[in-house]
């Protein structure tokens, strides 16, 4: 990640009571999703392109700089689309399970 990426989230530690996870997902792969682990989560697309699929099957794509309040959406799938790897920063309230990783597919990994 270059110094200009994630400036608002990487420059300093987050305020007490919040946790941050960074996920990298290779193009074409999906990030496993457990809605119970997304309570209060805000996702920021740092690099690449995110395709979000809702429970009804509707899909929408989001690019760099997009902030998404996942707890407000009926999300069923998160996918890396496009030619570059997807880098997501997930910020949520710290608490029981808040620092657990999402289930990961082959080719995706997390920096904590």
N, C-alpha and C. Protein backbone atom coordinates (compact mmCIF):
# COMPACT_ATOMS: atom_id res chain seq x y z
N UNK A 1 0.85 -1.16 0.00
CA UNK A 1 0.00 0.00 0.00
C UNK A 1 0.90 1.24 0.00
N UNK A 2 0.58 2.21 -0.79
CA UNK A 2 1.39 3.42 -0.87
C UNK A 2 1.03 4.36 0.27
N UNK A 3 1.92 5.32 0.60
CA UNK A 3 1.65 6.22 1.73
C UNK A 3 0.37 7.03 1.59
N UNK A 4 -0.05 7.36 0.37
CA UNK A 4 -1.26 8.17 0.20
C UNK A 4 -2.54 7.37 0.37
N UNK A 5 -2.44 6.05 0.31
CA UNK A 5 -3.64 5.23 0.45
C UNK A 5 -4.00 5.08 1.92
N UNK A 6 -5.25 5.19 2.21
CA UNK A 6 -5.75 4.97 3.56
C UNK A 6 -5.31 6.00 4.57
N UNK A 7 -4.98 7.19 4.12
CA UNK A 7 -4.44 8.21 5.01
C UNK A 7 -5.32 8.42 6.24
N UNK A 8 -6.61 8.49 6.06
CA UNK A 8 -7.52 8.75 7.18
C UNK A 8 -7.57 7.58 8.16
N UNK A 9 -7.30 6.39 7.70
CA UNK A 9 -7.41 5.22 8.56
C UNK A 9 -6.08 4.65 9.02
N UNK A 10 -4.97 5.00 8.38
CA UNK A 10 -3.68 4.41 8.72
C UNK A 10 -2.71 5.38 9.37
N UNK A 11 -2.97 6.66 9.28
CA UNK A 11 -2.05 7.67 9.78
C UNK A 11 -1.80 7.51 11.27
N UNK A 12 -2.84 7.30 12.02
CA UNK A 12 -2.74 7.20 13.47
C UNK A 12 -3.62 6.05 13.95
N UNK A 13 -3.40 5.63 15.19
CA UNK A 13 -4.32 4.61 15.73
C UNK A 13 -5.74 5.15 15.77
N UNK A 14 -6.70 4.25 15.65
CA UNK A 14 -8.10 4.65 15.76
C UNK A 14 -8.42 5.04 17.20
N UNK A 15 -9.49 5.78 17.38
CA UNK A 15 -9.93 6.15 18.73
C UNK A 15 -10.26 4.90 19.52
N UNK A 16 -10.14 5.00 20.84
CA UNK A 16 -10.50 3.88 21.70
C UNK A 16 -11.91 3.43 21.39
N UNK A 17 -12.11 2.12 21.42
CA UNK A 17 -13.44 1.57 21.17
C UNK A 17 -13.71 1.18 19.74
N UNK A 18 -12.70 1.37 18.84
CA UNK A 18 -12.86 0.99 17.45
C UNK A 18 -11.76 0.03 17.03
N UNK A 19 -12.07 -0.82 16.07
CA UNK A 19 -11.07 -1.74 15.52
C UNK A 19 -11.03 -1.59 14.01
N UNK A 20 -9.91 -2.00 13.44
CA UNK A 20 -9.71 -1.88 11.99
C UNK A 20 -9.14 -3.20 11.48
N UNK A 21 -9.63 -3.60 10.30
CA UNK A 21 -9.10 -4.77 9.59
C UNK A 21 -8.89 -4.36 8.14
N UNK A 22 -7.83 -4.87 7.54
CA UNK A 22 -7.55 -4.62 6.13
C UNK A 22 -7.61 -5.96 5.42
N UNK A 23 -8.39 -6.02 4.35
CA UNK A 23 -8.55 -7.24 3.58
C UNK A 23 -8.07 -7.01 2.16
N UNK A 24 -7.31 -7.96 1.65
CA UNK A 24 -6.87 -7.93 0.26
C UNK A 24 -7.45 -9.17 -0.42
N UNK A 25 -8.11 -8.93 -1.54
CA UNK A 25 -8.78 -10.02 -2.25
C UNK A 25 -8.37 -9.97 -3.72
N UNK A 26 -7.86 -11.07 -4.22
CA UNK A 26 -7.43 -11.15 -5.62
C UNK A 26 -8.63 -10.95 -6.55
N UNK A 27 -8.39 -10.41 -7.74
CA UNK A 27 -9.48 -10.21 -8.71
C UNK A 27 -10.24 -11.52 -8.97
N UNK A 28 -11.56 -11.41 -9.00
CA UNK A 28 -12.40 -12.56 -9.31
C UNK A 28 -12.79 -13.41 -8.11
N UNK A 29 -12.20 -13.13 -6.94
CA UNK A 29 -12.52 -13.92 -5.76
C UNK A 29 -13.53 -13.20 -4.87
N UNK A 30 -14.12 -13.96 -3.97
CA UNK A 30 -15.16 -13.45 -3.08
C UNK A 30 -14.66 -13.46 -1.64
N UNK A 31 -15.07 -12.46 -0.88
CA UNK A 31 -14.76 -12.39 0.54
C UNK A 31 -15.94 -12.99 1.28
N UNK A 32 -15.68 -14.05 2.06
CA UNK A 32 -16.76 -14.67 2.82
C UNK A 32 -17.41 -13.65 3.74
N UNK A 33 -18.67 -13.80 4.00
CA UNK A 33 -19.41 -12.78 4.74
C UNK A 33 -20.28 -13.43 5.80
N UNK A 34 -20.14 -12.98 7.02
CA UNK A 34 -21.03 -13.37 8.11
C UNK A 34 -21.63 -12.09 8.67
N UNK A 35 -22.91 -11.82 8.38
CA UNK A 35 -23.53 -10.56 8.80
C UNK A 35 -23.36 -10.23 10.28
N UNK A 36 -23.33 -11.23 11.16
CA UNK A 36 -23.18 -10.97 12.59
C UNK A 36 -21.85 -10.30 12.91
N UNK A 37 -20.86 -10.49 12.06
CA UNK A 37 -19.54 -9.88 12.28
C UNK A 37 -19.43 -8.50 11.65
N UNK A 38 -20.49 -8.03 11.04
CA UNK A 38 -20.46 -6.73 10.37
C UNK A 38 -21.25 -5.66 11.11
N UNK A 39 -21.71 -5.97 12.30
CA UNK A 39 -22.50 -4.99 13.05
C UNK A 39 -21.67 -3.72 13.22
N UNK A 40 -22.24 -2.60 12.89
CA UNK A 40 -21.59 -1.29 13.00
C UNK A 40 -20.41 -1.10 12.06
N UNK A 41 -20.18 -2.00 11.12
CA UNK A 41 -19.01 -1.90 10.25
C UNK A 41 -19.21 -0.89 9.12
N UNK A 42 -18.15 -0.14 8.87
CA UNK A 42 -18.07 0.72 7.70
C UNK A 42 -16.90 0.22 6.88
N UNK A 43 -17.15 -0.01 5.61
CA UNK A 43 -16.11 -0.52 4.71
C UNK A 43 -15.67 0.60 3.79
N UNK A 44 -14.35 0.74 3.64
CA UNK A 44 -13.79 1.72 2.73
C UNK A 44 -13.03 0.97 1.65
N UNK A 45 -13.33 1.27 0.38
CA UNK A 45 -12.61 0.66 -0.74
C UNK A 45 -11.33 1.48 -0.93
N UNK A 46 -10.20 0.88 -0.62
CA UNK A 46 -8.91 1.56 -0.75
C UNK A 46 -8.30 1.38 -2.14
N UNK A 47 -8.54 0.23 -2.74
CA UNK A 47 -7.97 -0.06 -4.06
C UNK A 47 -8.86 -1.11 -4.72
N UNK A 48 -8.87 -1.10 -6.04
CA UNK A 48 -9.64 -2.08 -6.78
C UNK A 48 -11.10 -1.71 -6.88
N UNK A 49 -11.90 -2.72 -7.17
CA UNK A 49 -13.34 -2.50 -7.34
C UNK A 49 -14.10 -3.58 -6.61
N UNK A 50 -15.07 -3.17 -5.81
CA UNK A 50 -15.90 -4.06 -5.01
C UNK A 50 -17.26 -4.22 -5.66
N UNK A 51 -17.70 -5.47 -5.81
CA UNK A 51 -19.07 -5.74 -6.21
C UNK A 51 -19.80 -6.26 -4.99
N UNK A 52 -20.89 -5.58 -4.65
CA UNK A 52 -21.69 -5.94 -3.50
C UNK A 52 -23.00 -6.53 -4.03
N UNK A 53 -23.34 -7.71 -3.57
CA UNK A 53 -24.60 -8.34 -3.97
C UNK A 53 -25.51 -8.43 -2.76
N UNK A 54 -26.75 -7.97 -2.92
CA UNK A 54 -27.73 -8.01 -1.84
C UNK A 54 -28.52 -9.33 -1.86
N UNK A 55 -29.23 -9.58 -0.79
CA UNK A 55 -30.00 -10.82 -0.67
C UNK A 55 -30.98 -11.01 -1.81
N UNK A 56 -31.52 -9.93 -2.35
CA UNK A 56 -32.48 -10.01 -3.45
C UNK A 56 -31.81 -10.28 -4.80
N UNK A 57 -30.46 -10.30 -4.82
CA UNK A 57 -29.75 -10.57 -6.07
C UNK A 57 -29.26 -9.33 -6.79
N UNK A 58 -29.64 -8.16 -6.33
CA UNK A 58 -29.19 -6.91 -6.93
C UNK A 58 -27.70 -6.73 -6.68
N UNK A 59 -26.98 -6.26 -7.71
CA UNK A 59 -25.53 -6.06 -7.59
C UNK A 59 -25.18 -4.61 -7.89
N UNK A 60 -24.15 -4.12 -7.20
CA UNK A 60 -23.66 -2.77 -7.45
C UNK A 60 -22.16 -2.75 -7.24
N UNK A 61 -21.46 -1.94 -8.04
CA UNK A 61 -20.00 -1.86 -7.95
C UNK A 61 -19.58 -0.54 -7.32
N UNK A 62 -18.48 -0.62 -6.55
CA UNK A 62 -17.95 0.54 -5.85
C UNK A 62 -16.45 0.61 -6.07
N UNK A 63 -15.93 1.82 -6.31
CA UNK A 63 -14.51 2.01 -6.55
C UNK A 63 -13.82 2.70 -5.39
N UNK A 64 -12.55 3.01 -5.60
CA UNK A 64 -11.69 3.60 -4.59
C UNK A 64 -12.33 4.84 -3.95
N UNK A 65 -12.22 4.90 -2.63
CA UNK A 65 -12.73 6.04 -1.89
C UNK A 65 -14.15 5.89 -1.39
N UNK A 66 -14.84 4.86 -1.84
CA UNK A 66 -16.23 4.65 -1.43
C UNK A 66 -16.28 4.15 0.01
N UNK A 67 -17.19 4.73 0.80
CA UNK A 67 -17.44 4.28 2.17
C UNK A 67 -18.84 3.68 2.20
N UNK A 68 -18.94 2.45 2.71
CA UNK A 68 -20.20 1.72 2.69
C UNK A 68 -20.56 1.28 4.11
N UNK A 69 -21.73 1.68 4.63
CA UNK A 69 -22.18 1.22 5.95
C UNK A 69 -22.87 -0.14 5.80
N UNK A 70 -22.09 -1.21 5.84
CA UNK A 70 -22.64 -2.54 5.56
C UNK A 70 -23.76 -2.96 6.51
N UNK A 71 -23.72 -2.47 7.74
CA UNK A 71 -24.77 -2.87 8.68
C UNK A 71 -26.14 -2.39 8.25
N UNK A 72 -26.19 -1.43 7.33
CA UNK A 72 -27.45 -0.89 6.86
C UNK A 72 -27.98 -1.60 5.61
N UNK A 73 -27.22 -2.56 5.10
CA UNK A 73 -27.57 -3.20 3.83
C UNK A 73 -27.76 -4.71 3.98
N UNK A 74 -28.70 -5.29 3.21
CA UNK A 74 -28.91 -6.75 3.25
C UNK A 74 -27.93 -7.46 2.31
N UNK A 75 -26.66 -7.47 2.69
CA UNK A 75 -25.58 -7.98 1.84
C UNK A 75 -25.48 -9.50 1.91
N UNK A 76 -25.30 -10.13 0.75
CA UNK A 76 -25.07 -11.57 0.73
C UNK A 76 -23.68 -11.93 0.23
N UNK A 77 -23.07 -11.10 -0.65
CA UNK A 77 -21.74 -11.40 -1.19
C UNK A 77 -20.93 -10.13 -1.42
N UNK A 78 -19.63 -10.22 -1.19
CA UNK A 78 -18.67 -9.17 -1.51
C UNK A 78 -17.64 -9.79 -2.45
N UNK A 79 -17.43 -9.18 -3.63
CA UNK A 79 -16.52 -9.75 -4.63
C UNK A 79 -15.52 -8.71 -5.10
N UNK A 80 -14.33 -9.21 -5.43
CA UNK A 80 -13.33 -8.39 -6.07
C UNK A 80 -13.54 -8.52 -7.57
N UNK A 81 -13.83 -7.40 -8.22
CA UNK A 81 -14.04 -7.40 -9.67
C UNK A 81 -13.06 -6.41 -10.29
N UNK A 82 -12.81 -6.54 -11.54
CA UNK A 82 -11.84 -5.68 -12.20
C UNK A 82 -10.49 -6.37 -12.29
N UNK A 83 -9.49 -5.62 -12.72
CA UNK A 83 -8.19 -6.24 -12.96
C UNK A 83 -7.21 -6.10 -11.80
N UNK A 84 -7.48 -5.21 -10.85
CA UNK A 84 -6.58 -5.00 -9.71
C UNK A 84 -7.12 -5.70 -8.48
N UNK A 85 -6.21 -6.09 -7.56
CA UNK A 85 -6.67 -6.65 -6.29
C UNK A 85 -7.52 -5.63 -5.53
N UNK A 86 -8.48 -6.13 -4.80
CA UNK A 86 -9.35 -5.30 -3.97
C UNK A 86 -8.71 -5.16 -2.59
N UNK A 87 -8.65 -3.94 -2.08
CA UNK A 87 -8.18 -3.68 -0.72
C UNK A 87 -9.30 -2.97 0.01
N UNK A 88 -9.80 -3.60 1.06
CA UNK A 88 -10.88 -3.04 1.87
C UNK A 88 -10.37 -2.75 3.28
N UNK A 89 -10.78 -1.63 3.83
CA UNK A 89 -10.53 -1.32 5.23
C UNK A 89 -11.88 -1.37 5.93
N UNK A 90 -11.98 -2.21 6.96
CA UNK A 90 -13.22 -2.37 7.69
C UNK A 90 -13.02 -1.80 9.09
N UNK A 91 -13.81 -0.79 9.44
CA UNK A 91 -13.73 -0.17 10.75
C UNK A 91 -15.05 -0.45 11.47
N UNK A 92 -14.93 -0.90 12.72
CA UNK A 92 -16.14 -1.19 13.50
C UNK A 92 -15.86 -0.92 14.97
N UNK A 93 -16.91 -0.94 15.76
CA UNK A 93 -16.75 -0.79 17.20
C UNK A 93 -16.05 -2.02 17.73
N UNK A 94 -15.14 -1.82 18.65
CA UNK A 94 -14.47 -2.95 19.29
C UNK A 94 -15.43 -3.59 20.28
N UNK A 95 -15.32 -4.85 20.44
CA UNK A 95 -16.17 -5.58 21.37
C UNK A 95 -16.01 -7.05 21.10
N UNK A 96 -16.82 -7.86 21.70
CA UNK A 96 -16.76 -9.29 21.49
C UNK A 96 -16.87 -9.62 20.02
N UNK A 97 -15.89 -10.29 19.48
CA UNK A 97 -15.91 -10.70 18.08
C UNK A 97 -15.56 -9.61 17.09
N UNK A 98 -15.36 -8.37 17.56
CA UNK A 98 -15.11 -7.28 16.62
C UNK A 98 -13.78 -7.42 15.90
N UNK A 99 -12.84 -8.13 16.48
CA UNK A 99 -11.54 -8.28 15.83
C UNK A 99 -11.40 -9.62 15.13
N UNK A 100 -12.45 -10.42 15.11
CA UNK A 100 -12.40 -11.68 14.37
C UNK A 100 -12.29 -11.40 12.89
N UNK A 101 -11.61 -12.29 12.18
CA UNK A 101 -11.50 -12.14 10.74
C UNK A 101 -12.74 -12.69 10.06
N UNK A 102 -13.02 -12.14 8.88
CA UNK A 102 -14.05 -12.73 8.03
C UNK A 102 -13.52 -14.06 7.54
N UNK A 103 -14.38 -15.04 7.22
CA UNK A 103 -13.90 -16.24 6.56
C UNK A 103 -13.26 -15.82 5.24
N UNK A 104 -12.18 -16.46 4.86
CA UNK A 104 -11.45 -16.03 3.67
C UNK A 104 -11.45 -17.13 2.62
N UNK A 105 -11.57 -16.71 1.38
CA UNK A 105 -11.42 -17.63 0.25
C UNK A 105 -9.95 -17.70 -0.12
N UNK A 106 -9.59 -18.70 -0.90
CA UNK A 106 -8.21 -18.82 -1.36
C UNK A 106 -7.85 -17.56 -2.13
N UNK A 107 -6.68 -17.03 -1.87
CA UNK A 107 -6.23 -15.85 -2.58
C UNK A 107 -6.54 -14.55 -1.89
N UNK A 108 -7.29 -14.59 -0.78
CA UNK A 108 -7.54 -13.37 -0.03
C UNK A 108 -6.88 -13.50 1.33
N UNK A 109 -6.48 -12.40 1.89
CA UNK A 109 -5.88 -12.44 3.21
C UNK A 109 -6.13 -11.13 3.93
N UNK A 110 -5.81 -11.10 5.21
CA UNK A 110 -6.13 -9.96 6.05
C UNK A 110 -4.89 -9.50 6.79
N UNK A 111 -4.75 -8.18 6.95
CA UNK A 111 -3.75 -7.60 7.83
C UNK A 111 -4.52 -7.03 9.02
N UNK A 112 -4.11 -7.35 10.21
CA UNK A 112 -4.86 -6.89 11.36
C UNK A 112 -4.25 -5.78 12.10
